[in-house]
Every structure is written in structure tokens, then in C-alpha cells.
Amino acid sequence: MRLRTTSALAGAAALTLLTGCGAADMTQQASPFANAQGARTVTLSVQSWVGAQANVAVAQYLLEHELGYRVDTVQVDEVPAWDALSQGRVDAILEDWGHPEQEQRYVQDKKTIAPGGDLGVTGHIGWFVPTYFAKQHPDVTDWKNLDKYADLLRTAESGDKGQLMDGSPSYVTNDKALVENLDLDYKVVFAGSEAAQITQIQQFAKEKKPFLTYWYTPQWLFEKVPMTEVKLPPYEEGCDADPAKVDCAYPVTPLQKYLNADFAKNGGEAARFLKNFEWTTEDQNQVSLMIAEQKMRPEEAAKKWVDSHESVWKKWLP
């Protein structure tokens, strides 16, 4: 994610079965039905965080049960997903957190990918501490005071520095550059996946330990572990243009959908449906919570949401 947004999580087994954050590029294992001429099939890219899985679950359920399509899904990391989409190995990405280089290459220059419109969800990446720690030490929510608490935030993995916990190395993250450019006494430590990161956060919270983590909204975990954002230097247009020199906060990002250009033009009802697919952060979090916390299979969570939100999804149908 631009991000971006992610140990034994309650429900981690379900997440792991769906995908693994930081999984290897699986574009070569794309569905043989992707871009098949004349076939009522759709292939959707599934990113590794549960919010993206919620999008795909609901879209798949409605495509199959309301429009009569066969839907296949492919697990692909963020940047390789753009390659797969351009090549027609997948038909759509339903949640992109901002990849300007890929957008320039495939949308503007090659024109092999077409914008699919807003998802309806606004994403934001940031650094967060547990709210119980922020209440004890209110000044920790300003990055200028983080070094004051580095000793309290040390772990075995961070050595003699404070730990800044990230999720998967495959996510787009500025954190190593931020730590260096802001001259902070911290080390970025990757949990390895969203599920592993959630598990670690929950364990810290259970023990009421302090932690500093890269995290993002929307995300269902805030309902279980309240967290407070640490204010980084304000984001300004272009402040993150050079990845090595980033010294500002992450932007607020309206999350976008993208379609293979041929599919966007010739994909019929499926393409029109996916362009129309737009829901709220609350909608996404409801489905995400069912998948991750309540351990429901994605199709079960999708059906439960669909059954109680007909007025929302009816507008998406062609």
C-alpha cells in the first residue's frame, strides 16, 4: 500500500489462507480466464491487506450472483499487479494507494491501463502509538519528542534503538528514509505481513506495552486497539518525490480502481459494474472485521454484507 493500508492474530489463519503480505510475485499464476475473448469471466487482483480482500469479496459475490460471471482471483504484490494488469493477466485492481510511476507508464504512456474511478475510501498512512501510551505521555504524538521515548520502545530486534514496526517490505513505505532524514534514534523492523503486524500490536496492547508502528486508515484494528497518530512534518506536494530525501508525512490518498484498458472498453457489464463499485470506509471495515476478527470466509462475509445493504449495491449494477 502507499502504505497504503495491514504472531497469532485472532483470525490470522484466515488471512494467511487468503494471501501473504510480501508474497512472491505470482503474476505467472494468473487465471487462464483473464482476458478470454467472449467468456463471461473476470479476474481480480487481490492485495494482501484485509481491506483490499473485502473489496474483492463483495465484488466477486455480486458479479457471480447478480450478473452471472465466473470470477477468478490472483494474489499479486502491489507493483507486480500493475504489470499483470497491463498484460491482461488480471482485469482489475480495486484498491490502489498511489503508484505515480506505474500510472505514468501504463495509463499515460502505454495506455494499457485505464482509471476505474474512486473506490470511495480515503486512505492515510502514518506512525501510531497506542492511545493508552499517548495519554500517559501526550508529547509523544509530536515526532520531535520521539527520541525521548526511544529507550521505552526498544526491542530485541531493534537493538539499542527504538523500534518502528512496519508490516511487509513489499509495501510502499518511506520509513527508513524518514528515520534517517529526521535523525531519529529508531530502527525500522518489518513484521513481515499485515497479519503478523496485527498480531504483534495485539500482543503489545494485551500487555499494555508501548509501541510505535507504521499503520493506516481505514483499518478495522482501530476498533480493537485504539491508536493515536504521531504528527510528522506536514505533507506538501512533492515532498516525497525523491524517496531518499523524504522528510514529511504521508499524504491523504483517495483510493483508486484501475482496469485493463481492453477490459475497460470491451468488458461489458462486468467492467461497468466495477467502475460503479464505490462504498464507504464503514462498509469496508464491516466486511474486513468479519473476515479478520470473526474468522468468516470472505464469501460468507460478502453475503452477509450484501444481504443487509441492497440499497448500496443495487446502484452499482449496470
Foldseek 3Di string as FASTA:
>chain_A
DLVPADQDFQLLVLLVVVHWAQDDFPLVVFDPCQPDPPAQEAEEEAERHLLQLLLVLQLQLCCCPPVNGHYHYDYGFDPVVLVSQLVRSHFKRQWDQDDVVSCCPDVVPVNQKDWLWFQQEKKFKAKKKFVVVCVVPVVCLAVVCVQVCQCLQDDPVWPPGHEEEREAPSHSDLVVLQCVQVVHRYDYDYLHGRSSVLSVQVVCVVVVGIYMYIHMPPDLCCVVTPIDGRAFAADDPPLPVDSNNRHHGTDIGRITMMGRSVCCVPVPFSNQLSSLNHDYSVLSSQLSCCNRNVVDNSNVSSVVSCVVPVVVSVRSGD
